[in-house]
Amino acid sequence: MSDKVLVLNCGSSSIKYQLYLMPEGQVLAKGLVEKSGEAAGAYKHSDDGGEQAGKQKIADHREGLVLAVKCLTGSKKPAIKAMSEIKAVGHRVVHGGEKFTGSVVVTAEVEKTIEEYYDLAPLHNPPNMTGIRAAKELLPGVPQIACFDTAFHTTLPEVAYI
């Protein structure tokens, strides 16, 4: 059985996203929302229905994610007809410190720990957390998974990371 998984990469003023059919790994849609919080935001989206692009004010990551959802559901051949089709959301999180050596289901404890690492990645972890919170609000009950860049480094031999 296949499921649709939304993957988010929330940067300081952008959201990159892809919707996958899993376990096949087929990309159903992808897009970019950028310049959120600035006077002139922009977005691009592509799926089987073609491409969409536009410019508009995007107040924050929550509004950017709402725009991404509108693109996912509103093209000529939408990748999803309803948000209920999304079975999980994966989030790129830059810094997991030494605590996270792999992907984890986001819990209140995980959120607290990501916040504790804000000083290790001040340009990345706060927007990553904002994206997690926005996705939880827009997709209540859908599992949120944090995937840490730093988890990769735990697989390196000591000679490589020293």
N, C-alpha and C. Protein backbone atom coordinates (compact mmCIF):
# COMPACT_ATOMS: atom_id res chain seq x y z
N MET A 1 0.84 -1.19 0.00
CA MET A 1 0.00 0.00 0.00
C MET A 1 0.88 1.24 0.00
N SER A 2 0.53 2.21 -0.80
CA SER A 2 1.30 3.44 -0.92
C SER A 2 0.69 4.56 -0.07
N ASP A 3 1.56 5.39 0.46
CA ASP A 3 1.14 6.55 1.25
C ASP A 3 1.80 7.79 0.70
N LYS A 4 1.16 8.93 0.92
CA LYS A 4 1.73 10.21 0.51
C LYS A 4 2.39 10.86 1.71
N VAL A 5 3.65 11.25 1.52
CA VAL A 5 4.46 11.84 2.58
C VAL A 5 4.94 13.21 2.10
N LEU A 6 4.69 14.22 2.90
CA LEU A 6 5.14 15.57 2.60
C LEU A 6 6.47 15.81 3.31
N VAL A 7 7.46 16.30 2.57
CA VAL A 7 8.78 16.58 3.15
C VAL A 7 9.00 18.09 3.06
N LEU A 8 9.38 18.68 4.21
CA LEU A 8 9.57 20.12 4.30
C LEU A 8 11.00 20.47 4.70
N ASN A 9 11.50 21.52 4.08
CA ASN A 9 12.81 22.08 4.45
C ASN A 9 12.55 23.57 4.66
N CYS A 10 12.35 23.94 5.92
CA CYS A 10 12.07 25.33 6.25
C CYS A 10 13.35 26.06 6.59
N GLY A 11 13.69 27.03 5.75
CA GLY A 11 14.86 27.86 5.98
C GLY A 11 14.47 29.15 6.66
N SER A 12 15.38 30.09 6.71
CA SER A 12 15.11 31.33 7.43
C SER A 12 13.97 32.13 6.80
N SER A 13 13.83 32.10 5.48
CA SER A 13 12.73 32.83 4.83
C SER A 13 12.11 32.03 3.69
N SER A 14 12.35 30.72 3.67
CA SER A 14 11.83 29.91 2.57
C SER A 14 11.33 28.55 3.07
N ILE A 15 10.51 27.95 2.24
CA ILE A 15 10.06 26.57 2.47
C ILE A 15 10.22 25.84 1.15
N LYS A 16 11.03 24.80 1.16
CA LYS A 16 11.09 23.90 0.01
C LYS A 16 10.29 22.68 0.41
N TYR A 17 9.51 22.15 -0.53
CA TYR A 17 8.70 20.99 -0.21
C TYR A 17 8.61 20.03 -1.38
N GLN A 18 8.42 18.76 -1.04
CA GLN A 18 8.14 17.74 -2.04
C GLN A 18 7.12 16.79 -1.44
N LEU A 19 6.22 16.31 -2.27
CA LEU A 19 5.25 15.31 -1.89
C LEU A 19 5.64 14.01 -2.58
N TYR A 20 5.83 12.97 -1.78
CA TYR A 20 6.28 11.67 -2.30
C TYR A 20 5.19 10.62 -2.16
N LEU A 21 5.17 9.71 -3.09
CA LEU A 21 4.41 8.48 -2.96
C LEU A 21 5.38 7.44 -2.43
N MET A 22 5.08 6.91 -1.26
CA MET A 22 6.01 5.98 -0.62
C MET A 22 5.35 4.62 -0.47
N PRO A 23 6.08 3.53 -0.56
CA PRO A 23 7.54 3.45 -0.54
C PRO A 23 8.20 3.60 -1.90
N GLU A 24 7.44 3.89 -2.94
CA GLU A 24 8.01 3.97 -4.28
C GLU A 24 9.06 5.07 -4.42
N GLY A 25 8.93 6.13 -3.63
CA GLY A 25 9.84 7.26 -3.73
C GLY A 25 9.55 8.17 -4.90
N GLN A 26 8.37 8.05 -5.47
CA GLN A 26 7.98 8.86 -6.62
C GLN A 26 7.60 10.27 -6.16
N VAL A 27 8.18 11.29 -6.78
CA VAL A 27 7.84 12.67 -6.47
C VAL A 27 6.55 13.02 -7.21
N LEU A 28 5.52 13.37 -6.44
CA LEU A 28 4.22 13.74 -7.01
C LEU A 28 4.11 15.24 -7.25
N ALA A 29 4.79 16.02 -6.42
CA ALA A 29 4.76 17.48 -6.54
C ALA A 29 5.94 18.05 -5.79
N LYS A 30 6.32 19.27 -6.17
CA LYS A 30 7.39 19.95 -5.45
C LYS A 30 7.22 21.44 -5.62
N GLY A 31 7.83 22.17 -4.68
CA GLY A 31 7.70 23.61 -4.78
C GLY A 31 8.61 24.36 -3.84
N LEU A 32 8.52 25.67 -3.97
CA LEU A 32 9.33 26.58 -3.18
C LEU A 32 8.50 27.81 -2.85
N VAL A 33 8.48 28.14 -1.58
CA VAL A 33 7.87 29.39 -1.12
C VAL A 33 9.04 30.19 -0.55
N GLU A 34 9.24 31.40 -1.05
CA GLU A 34 10.41 32.15 -0.60
C GLU A 34 10.09 33.60 -0.25
N LYS A 35 11.01 34.18 0.48
CA LYS A 35 10.93 35.56 0.94
C LYS A 35 9.75 35.80 1.87
N SER A 36 9.43 34.79 2.70
CA SER A 36 8.38 35.02 3.69
C SER A 36 8.88 36.03 4.71
N GLY A 37 7.96 36.86 5.16
CA GLY A 37 8.33 37.91 6.10
C GLY A 37 8.86 39.17 5.42
N GLU A 38 9.04 39.11 4.12
CA GLU A 38 9.51 40.28 3.37
C GLU A 38 8.33 40.90 2.61
N ALA A 39 8.55 42.07 2.05
CA ALA A 39 7.48 42.79 1.36
C ALA A 39 6.96 42.04 0.14
N ALA A 40 7.84 41.35 -0.60
CA ALA A 40 7.43 40.68 -1.83
C ALA A 40 7.87 39.22 -1.79
N GLY A 41 6.96 38.34 -1.44
CA GLY A 41 7.24 36.91 -1.45
C GLY A 41 6.99 36.31 -2.82
N ALA A 42 7.37 35.06 -2.98
CA ALA A 42 7.17 34.39 -4.27
C ALA A 42 7.00 32.90 -4.02
N TYR A 43 6.37 32.23 -4.99
CA TYR A 43 6.23 30.78 -4.90
C TYR A 43 6.30 30.16 -6.29
N LYS A 44 6.73 28.89 -6.30
CA LYS A 44 6.76 28.06 -7.50
C LYS A 44 6.26 26.69 -7.09
N HIS A 45 5.50 26.06 -7.95
CA HIS A 45 4.97 24.72 -7.67
C HIS A 45 4.87 23.97 -8.98
N SER A 46 5.21 22.68 -8.94
CA SER A 46 5.02 21.85 -10.13
C SER A 46 4.50 20.48 -9.73
N ASP A 47 3.63 19.96 -10.58
CA ASP A 47 3.07 18.62 -10.42
C ASP A 47 2.58 18.16 -11.79
N ASP A 48 1.83 17.08 -11.84
CA ASP A 48 1.34 16.58 -13.13
C ASP A 48 0.41 17.57 -13.85
N GLY A 49 -0.14 18.52 -13.11
CA GLY A 49 -1.01 19.52 -13.71
C GLY A 49 -0.25 20.68 -14.33
N GLY A 50 1.07 20.67 -14.20
CA GLY A 50 1.87 21.75 -14.76
C GLY A 50 2.58 22.54 -13.68
N GLU A 51 2.89 23.78 -14.01
CA GLU A 51 3.61 24.65 -13.08
C GLU A 51 2.76 25.85 -12.73
N GLN A 52 2.92 26.29 -11.49
CA GLN A 52 2.30 27.51 -11.00
C GLN A 52 3.41 28.38 -10.42
N ALA A 53 3.27 29.67 -10.53
CA ALA A 53 4.22 30.58 -9.92
C ALA A 53 3.52 31.90 -9.69
N GLY A 54 3.99 32.62 -8.71
CA GLY A 54 3.40 33.92 -8.44
C GLY A 54 4.18 34.68 -7.40
N LYS A 55 3.78 35.90 -7.22
CA LYS A 55 4.38 36.77 -6.22
C LYS A 55 3.25 37.29 -5.34
N GLN A 56 3.50 37.27 -4.03
CA GLN A 56 2.54 37.82 -3.08
C GLN A 56 3.22 37.93 -1.73
N LYS A 57 2.66 38.75 -0.88
CA LYS A 57 3.20 38.88 0.48
C LYS A 57 2.91 37.59 1.24
N ILE A 58 3.93 37.07 1.87
CA ILE A 58 3.81 35.84 2.67
C ILE A 58 4.35 36.20 4.05
N ALA A 59 3.46 36.32 5.01
CA ALA A 59 3.81 36.86 6.32
C ALA A 59 4.83 36.02 7.08
N ASP A 60 4.66 34.68 7.04
CA ASP A 60 5.51 33.82 7.85
C ASP A 60 5.46 32.39 7.31
N HIS A 61 6.13 31.47 8.01
CA HIS A 61 6.17 30.08 7.56
C HIS A 61 4.79 29.42 7.58
N ARG A 62 3.95 29.77 8.54
CA ARG A 62 2.61 29.19 8.58
C ARG A 62 1.85 29.57 7.31
N GLU A 63 1.88 30.86 6.96
CA GLU A 63 1.21 31.33 5.75
C GLU A 63 1.84 30.70 4.50
N GLY A 64 3.15 30.53 4.53
CA GLY A 64 3.83 29.88 3.41
C GLY A 64 3.40 28.44 3.24
N LEU A 65 3.22 27.75 4.37
CA LEU A 65 2.77 26.36 4.31
C LEU A 65 1.32 26.27 3.84
N VAL A 66 0.49 27.22 4.25
CA VAL A 66 -0.89 27.27 3.76
C VAL A 66 -0.89 27.45 2.24
N LEU A 67 -0.01 28.31 1.74
CA LEU A 67 0.11 28.51 0.29
C LEU A 67 0.55 27.23 -0.41
N ALA A 68 1.53 26.53 0.17
CA ALA A 68 1.98 25.26 -0.42
C ALA A 68 0.84 24.26 -0.50
N VAL A 69 0.03 24.18 0.56
CA VAL A 69 -1.12 23.27 0.58
C VAL A 69 -2.12 23.65 -0.51
N LYS A 70 -2.35 24.94 -0.69
CA LYS A 70 -3.26 25.38 -1.76
C LYS A 70 -2.73 24.94 -3.12
N CYS A 71 -1.43 25.02 -3.31
CA CYS A 71 -0.83 24.57 -4.57
C CYS A 71 -0.98 23.05 -4.73
N LEU A 72 -0.76 22.31 -3.65
CA LEU A 72 -0.86 20.84 -3.70
C LEU A 72 -2.28 20.38 -4.04
N THR A 73 -3.28 21.14 -3.60
CA THR A 73 -4.66 20.73 -3.81
C THR A 73 -5.36 21.48 -4.94
N GLY A 74 -4.72 22.53 -5.48
CA GLY A 74 -5.45 23.39 -6.39
C GLY A 74 -4.97 23.47 -7.82
N SER A 75 -4.17 22.54 -8.27
CA SER A 75 -3.74 22.60 -9.67
C SER A 75 -4.76 21.91 -10.57
N LYS A 76 -4.48 21.90 -11.88
CA LYS A 76 -5.39 21.24 -12.82
C LYS A 76 -5.51 19.75 -12.55
N LYS A 77 -4.40 19.13 -12.17
CA LYS A 77 -4.37 17.71 -11.78
C LYS A 77 -3.70 17.66 -10.41
N PRO A 78 -4.43 17.98 -9.34
CA PRO A 78 -3.80 18.11 -8.02
C PRO A 78 -3.14 16.82 -7.54
N ALA A 79 -2.01 17.00 -6.85
CA ALA A 79 -1.29 15.86 -6.28
C ALA A 79 -2.09 15.22 -5.15
N ILE A 80 -2.89 16.02 -4.47
CA ILE A 80 -3.80 15.52 -3.44
C ILE A 80 -5.13 16.25 -3.56
N LYS A 81 -6.20 15.56 -3.23
CA LYS A 81 -7.52 16.18 -3.25
C LYS A 81 -7.88 16.74 -1.89
N ALA A 82 -7.31 16.12 -0.84
CA ALA A 82 -7.58 16.56 0.53
C ALA A 82 -6.34 16.34 1.38
N MET A 83 -6.19 17.16 2.39
CA MET A 83 -5.04 17.06 3.28
C MET A 83 -4.99 15.71 3.98
N SER A 84 -6.13 15.06 4.13
CA SER A 84 -6.17 13.75 4.80
C SER A 84 -5.38 12.68 4.05
N GLU A 85 -5.02 12.95 2.80
CA GLU A 85 -4.21 12.00 2.04
C GLU A 85 -2.76 11.97 2.51
N ILE A 86 -2.32 13.01 3.20
CA ILE A 86 -0.94 13.06 3.70
C ILE A 86 -0.86 12.23 4.97
N LYS A 87 -0.03 11.21 4.96
CA LYS A 87 0.06 10.27 6.08
C LYS A 87 1.21 10.56 7.03
N ALA A 88 2.18 11.39 6.61
CA ALA A 88 3.30 11.77 7.47
C ALA A 88 3.97 13.00 6.88
N VAL A 89 4.65 13.75 7.75
CA VAL A 89 5.41 14.91 7.31
C VAL A 89 6.83 14.75 7.83
N GLY A 90 7.79 14.83 6.91
CA GLY A 90 9.20 14.78 7.29
C GLY A 90 9.77 16.18 7.28
N HIS A 91 10.56 16.51 8.29
CA HIS A 91 11.14 17.84 8.42
C HIS A 91 12.66 17.75 8.44
N ARG A 92 13.31 18.50 7.59
CA ARG A 92 14.76 18.63 7.69
C ARG A 92 15.04 19.55 8.86
N VAL A 93 15.85 19.07 9.80
CA VAL A 93 16.29 19.89 10.93
C VAL A 93 17.81 19.87 10.90
N VAL A 94 18.42 21.04 10.94
CA VAL A 94 19.86 21.11 10.76
C VAL A 94 20.63 20.49 11.91
N HIS A 95 20.32 20.88 13.15
CA HIS A 95 21.20 20.45 14.24
C HIS A 95 20.44 19.66 15.31
N GLY A 96 20.88 18.44 15.51
CA GLY A 96 20.32 17.59 16.55
C GLY A 96 21.29 17.33 17.67
N GLY A 97 22.40 18.06 17.65
CA GLY A 97 23.40 17.86 18.69
C GLY A 97 23.83 16.41 18.78
N GLU A 98 24.19 15.99 19.97
CA GLU A 98 24.59 14.60 20.19
C GLU A 98 23.40 13.73 20.57
N LYS A 99 22.26 14.36 20.83
CA LYS A 99 21.09 13.62 21.29
C LYS A 99 20.43 12.80 20.18
N PHE A 100 20.38 13.37 18.97
CA PHE A 100 19.67 12.70 17.89
C PHE A 100 20.66 12.14 16.86
N THR A 101 20.70 10.84 16.77
CA THR A 101 21.61 10.19 15.82
C THR A 101 20.85 9.55 14.67
N GLY A 102 19.58 9.87 14.58
CA GLY A 102 18.74 9.37 13.50
C GLY A 102 17.44 10.14 13.49
N SER A 103 16.54 9.76 12.63
CA SER A 103 15.23 10.41 12.54
C SER A 103 14.37 10.01 13.72
N VAL A 104 13.53 10.95 14.18
CA VAL A 104 12.66 10.69 15.32
C VAL A 104 11.27 11.26 15.08
N VAL A 105 10.29 10.64 15.71
CA VAL A 105 8.94 11.20 15.72
C VAL A 105 8.98 12.42 16.62
N VAL A 106 8.39 13.52 16.16
CA VAL A 106 8.41 14.76 16.93
C VAL A 106 7.41 14.65 18.09
N THR A 107 7.95 14.83 19.27
CA THR A 107 7.16 14.87 20.50
C THR A 107 7.47 16.20 21.18
N ALA A 108 6.79 16.49 22.28
CA ALA A 108 7.07 17.71 23.04
C ALA A 108 8.52 17.71 23.51
N GLU A 109 9.03 16.55 23.90
CA GLU A 109 10.43 16.43 24.35
C GLU A 109 11.40 16.73 23.20
N VAL A 110 11.09 16.22 22.02
CA VAL A 110 11.95 16.48 20.84
C VAL A 110 11.94 17.98 20.52
N GLU A 111 10.77 18.60 20.55
CA GLU A 111 10.68 20.03 20.30
C GLU A 111 11.53 20.82 21.29
N LYS A 112 11.44 20.46 22.55
CA LYS A 112 12.20 21.14 23.60
C LYS A 112 13.71 21.01 23.34
N THR A 113 14.14 19.83 22.94
CA THR A 113 15.56 19.61 22.67
C THR A 113 16.02 20.40 21.45
N ILE A 114 15.21 20.43 20.40
CA ILE A 114 15.57 21.23 19.21
C ILE A 114 15.73 22.69 19.62
N GLU A 115 14.84 23.19 20.47
CA GLU A 115 14.94 24.57 20.95
C GLU A 115 16.23 24.79 21.74
N GLU A 116 16.62 23.79 22.53
CA GLU A 116 17.87 23.90 23.30
C GLU A 116 19.09 24.02 22.39
N TYR A 117 18.98 23.53 21.15
CA TYR A 117 20.09 23.59 20.20
C TYR A 117 20.02 24.82 19.28
N TYR A 118 19.13 25.76 19.57
CA TYR A 118 19.03 26.96 18.75
C TYR A 118 20.38 27.66 18.62
N ASP A 119 21.15 27.72 19.70
CA ASP A 119 22.42 28.43 19.64
C ASP A 119 23.45 27.71 18.76
N LEU A 120 23.26 26.42 18.50
CA LEU A 120 24.18 25.69 17.63
C LEU A 120 23.89 25.94 16.14
N ALA A 121 22.66 26.28 15.82
CA ALA A 121 22.27 26.57 14.43
C ALA A 121 21.21 27.66 14.44
N PRO A 122 21.60 28.89 14.83
CA PRO A 122 20.62 29.96 15.02
C PRO A 122 19.87 30.40 13.77
N LEU A 123 20.45 30.19 12.60
CA LEU A 123 19.76 30.57 11.36
C LEU A 123 18.85 29.46 10.84
N HIS A 124 18.99 28.26 11.39
CA HIS A 124 18.27 27.13 10.82
C HIS A 124 17.27 26.48 11.79
N ASN A 125 17.72 26.14 12.99
CA ASN A 125 16.82 25.42 13.89
C ASN A 125 15.54 26.18 14.23
N PRO A 126 15.58 27.51 14.50
CA PRO A 126 14.31 28.20 14.77
C PRO A 126 13.30 28.12 13.61
N PRO A 127 13.71 28.37 12.35
CA PRO A 127 12.73 28.20 11.27
C PRO A 127 12.31 26.73 11.08
N ASN A 128 13.22 25.79 11.33
CA ASN A 128 12.85 24.37 11.26
C ASN A 128 11.72 24.10 12.25
N MET A 129 11.85 24.65 13.48
CA MET A 129 10.83 24.46 14.51
C MET A 129 9.52 25.14 14.13
N THR A 130 9.61 26.32 13.53
CA THR A 130 8.41 27.02 13.07
C THR A 130 7.66 26.17 12.05
N GLY A 131 8.39 25.54 11.15
CA GLY A 131 7.76 24.66 10.16
C GLY A 131 7.10 23.45 10.80
N ILE A 132 7.75 22.88 11.81
CA ILE A 132 7.16 21.74 12.52
C ILE A 132 5.85 22.16 13.18
N ARG A 133 5.87 23.29 13.86
CA ARG A 133 4.66 23.75 14.55
C ARG A 133 3.53 24.09 13.57
N ALA A 134 3.88 24.71 12.45
CA ALA A 134 2.86 25.05 11.44
C ALA A 134 2.27 23.77 10.85
N ALA A 135 3.10 22.79 10.56
CA ALA A 135 2.61 21.53 9.99
C ALA A 135 1.72 20.79 10.99
N LYS A 136 2.10 20.81 12.26
CA LYS A 136 1.27 20.17 13.29
C LYS A 136 -0.10 20.84 13.39
N GLU A 137 -0.12 22.15 13.25
CA GLU A 137 -1.37 22.90 13.32
C GLU A 137 -2.26 22.60 12.10
N LEU A 138 -1.64 22.58 10.92
CA LEU A 138 -2.41 22.38 9.68
C LEU A 138 -2.76 20.92 9.43
N LEU A 139 -1.99 20.01 10.00
CA LEU A 139 -2.21 18.57 9.81
C LEU A 139 -2.28 17.88 11.18
N PRO A 140 -3.29 18.20 11.98
CA PRO A 140 -3.36 17.61 13.32
C PRO A 140 -3.49 16.09 13.25
N GLY A 141 -2.74 15.44 14.11
CA GLY A 141 -2.80 13.98 14.17
C GLY A 141 -1.91 13.27 13.18
N VAL A 142 -1.32 14.00 12.24
CA VAL A 142 -0.42 13.40 11.25
C VAL A 142 0.97 13.33 11.87
N PRO A 143 1.62 12.16 11.83
CA PRO A 143 2.96 12.06 12.40
C PRO A 143 3.94 13.03 11.75
N GLN A 144 4.70 13.71 12.60
CA GLN A 144 5.74 14.64 12.15
C GLN A 144 7.07 13.97 12.49
N ILE A 145 7.96 13.89 11.53
CA ILE A 145 9.24 13.21 11.71
C ILE A 145 10.36 14.22 11.49
N ALA A 146 11.28 14.32 12.45
CA ALA A 146 12.43 15.20 12.31
C ALA A 146 13.62 14.38 11.82
N CYS A 147 14.25 14.86 10.77
CA CYS A 147 15.44 14.22 10.18
C CYS A 147 16.59 15.21 10.29
N PHE A 148 17.62 14.84 11.01
CA PHE A 148 18.69 15.77 11.38
C PHE A 148 19.90 15.65 10.45
N ASP A 149 20.38 16.81 9.97
CA ASP A 149 21.61 16.83 9.19
C ASP A 149 22.76 16.23 9.99
N THR A 150 22.81 16.53 11.26
CA THR A 150 23.92 16.08 12.10
C THR A 150 23.92 14.57 12.31
N ALA A 151 22.81 13.90 12.06
CA ALA A 151 22.77 12.44 12.19
C ALA A 151 23.76 11.79 11.22
N PHE A 152 23.93 12.41 10.06
CA PHE A 152 24.89 11.90 9.08
C PHE A 152 26.29 11.83 9.69
N HIS A 153 26.65 12.85 10.43
CA HIS A 153 28.00 12.93 10.98
C HIS A 153 28.28 11.85 12.02
N THR A 154 27.24 11.29 12.60
CA THR A 154 27.45 10.22 13.59
C THR A 154 27.90 8.93 12.92
N THR A 155 27.77 8.86 11.60
CA THR A 155 28.16 7.64 10.88
C THR A 155 29.60 7.70 10.37
N LEU A 156 30.23 8.88 10.52
CA LEU A 156 31.60 9.03 10.04
C LEU A 156 32.59 8.35 11.00
N PRO A 157 33.65 7.77 10.48
CA PRO A 157 34.68 7.23 11.36
C PRO A 157 35.38 8.39 12.09
N GLU A 158 35.91 8.10 13.26
CA GLU A 158 36.54 9.14 14.08
C GLU A 158 37.60 9.94 13.32
N VAL A 159 38.38 9.26 12.50
CA VAL A 159 39.44 9.94 11.76
C VAL A 159 38.86 11.00 10.81
N ALA A 160 37.64 10.80 10.32
CA ALA A 160 37.02 11.74 9.40
C ALA A 160 36.46 12.97 10.11
N TYR A 161 35.87 12.78 11.29
CA TYR A 161 35.26 13.94 11.94
C TYR A 161 36.22 14.70 12.85
N ILE A 162 37.35 14.11 13.17
CA ILE A 162 38.33 14.83 13.98
C ILE A 162 39.30 15.53 13.04
